[in-house]
Protein backbone atom coordinates (compact mmCIF):
# COMPACT_ATOMS: atom_id res chain seq x y z
CA UNK A 1 0.35 0.33 -0.06
CA UNK A 2 2.61 2.19 0.90
CA UNK A 3 4.04 2.09 -2.86
CA UNK A 4 0.85 2.83 -4.54
CA UNK A 5 1.27 6.36 -1.90
CA UNK A 6 4.50 6.59 -3.03
CA UNK A 7 3.86 5.95 -6.84
CA UNK A 8 0.86 8.67 -7.13
CA UNK A 9 3.13 11.47 -5.09
CA UNK A 10 5.34 10.51 -7.83
CA UNK A 11 2.87 10.89 -10.39
CA UNK A 12 1.81 14.26 -8.61
CA UNK A 13 5.24 15.54 -8.80
CA UNK A 14 5.85 15.03 -12.29
CA UNK A 15 2.34 16.78 -12.98
CA UNK A 16 3.89 19.68 -11.15
CA UNK A 17 6.79 19.03 -12.40
CA UNK A 18 5.18 19.64 -16.46
CA UNK A 19 2.96 22.36 -15.36
CA UNK A 20 5.79 24.07 -13.94
CA UNK A 21 8.02 23.85 -17.08
CA UNK A 22 5.05 24.98 -19.44
CA UNK A 23 4.34 28.12 -17.31
CA UNK A 24 8.15 28.91 -17.71
CA UNK A 25 8.32 28.00 -21.36
CA UNK A 26 5.23 30.87 -21.95
CA UNK A 27 6.26 32.57 -20.03
CA UNK A 28 9.53 32.81 -22.15
CA UNK A 29 7.57 33.17 -25.10
CA UNK A 30 5.42 36.28 -23.77
CA UNK A 31 8.94 37.60 -22.58
CA UNK A 32 10.14 37.10 -26.08
CA UNK A 33 7.31 38.65 -27.84
CA UNK A 34 7.66 41.79 -25.46
CA UNK A 35 11.18 42.22 -26.37
CA UNK A 36 10.79 41.99 -29.93
CA UNK A 37 7.62 44.10 -29.93
CA UNK A 38 9.41 47.50 -30.51
CA UNK A 39 11.47 46.41 -33.10
CA UNK A 40 8.43 45.25 -34.76
CA UNK A 41 6.76 48.37 -34.23
CA UNK A 42 9.94 49.76 -35.74
CA UNK A 43 9.87 47.77 -39.02
CA UNK A 44 6.10 48.36 -39.84
CA UNK A 45 6.78 51.24 -41.66
CA UNK A 46 9.65 49.85 -43.95
CA UNK A 47 7.23 46.61 -44.66
CA UNK A 48 4.47 48.88 -45.49
CA UNK A 49 6.43 50.48 -47.72
CA UNK A 50 7.67 47.18 -49.55
CA UNK A 51 4.28 46.11 -49.97
CA UNK A 52 2.62 49.14 -51.61
CA UNK A 53 6.05 49.20 -54.14
CA UNK A 54 4.92 45.74 -55.01
CA UNK A 55 1.62 46.53 -55.56
CA UNK A 56 2.42 49.45 -57.62
CA UNK A 57 5.04 47.28 -59.32
CA UNK A 58 2.38 44.37 -59.84
CA UNK A 59 0.16 47.58 -61.64
CA UNK A 60 2.69 48.57 -63.69
CA UNK A 61 3.47 45.12 -65.01
CA UNK A 62 -0.58 44.53 -65.43
CA UNK A 63 -0.97 47.56 -67.52
CA UNK A 64 1.96 46.92 -69.50
CA UNK A 65 1.08 43.74 -70.29
CA UNK A 66 -2.43 44.93 -71.60
CA UNK A 67 -0.67 47.57 -73.41
CA UNK A 68 1.42 45.15 -75.17
CA UNK A 69 -1.84 42.50 -75.89
CA UNK A 70 -3.72 45.51 -77.06
CA UNK A 71 -1.56 46.18 -80.84
CA UNK A 72 -1.59 42.43 -81.41
CA UNK A 73 -5.22 41.83 -81.00
CA UNK A 74 -5.51 44.47 -83.79
CA UNK A 75 -2.89 42.79 -85.49
CA UNK A 76 -4.84 39.56 -85.63
CA UNK A 77 -7.93 41.60 -86.66
CA UNK A 78 -6.42 42.98 -89.28
CA UNK A 79 -5.21 39.75 -90.79
CA UNK A 80 -8.17 37.45 -90.27
CA UNK A 81 -10.41 40.26 -91.56
CA UNK A 82 -10.19 39.47 -95.34
CA UNK A 83 -10.70 35.71 -94.63
CA UNK A 84 -13.86 36.49 -92.74
CA UNK A 85 -15.08 38.81 -95.41
CA UNK A 86 -14.33 35.71 -98.32
CA UNK A 87 -15.92 33.31 -96.03
CA UNK A 88 -18.98 35.70 -95.74
CA UNK A 89 -19.40 35.92 -99.48
CA UNK A 90 -19.76 32.34 -100.27
């Protein structure tokens, strides 16, 4: 019977140790987040500038692509127009 009591005590001690370690890890993670917060706040404007520049480049590339596709479409229409007229006349 004494062995079971000792075993139960060890089991409870193990759970307490695991809980303490989990609490320490959680507190350390919070401390690291708290220490890195000023760095995140300082880097936030730089990230915003990078995102705005990225979207500006994407919009510029999209407009260039559309500007290149319009003359190609006109050229295709000019090449296909005689064949369309011939097929309609027959």
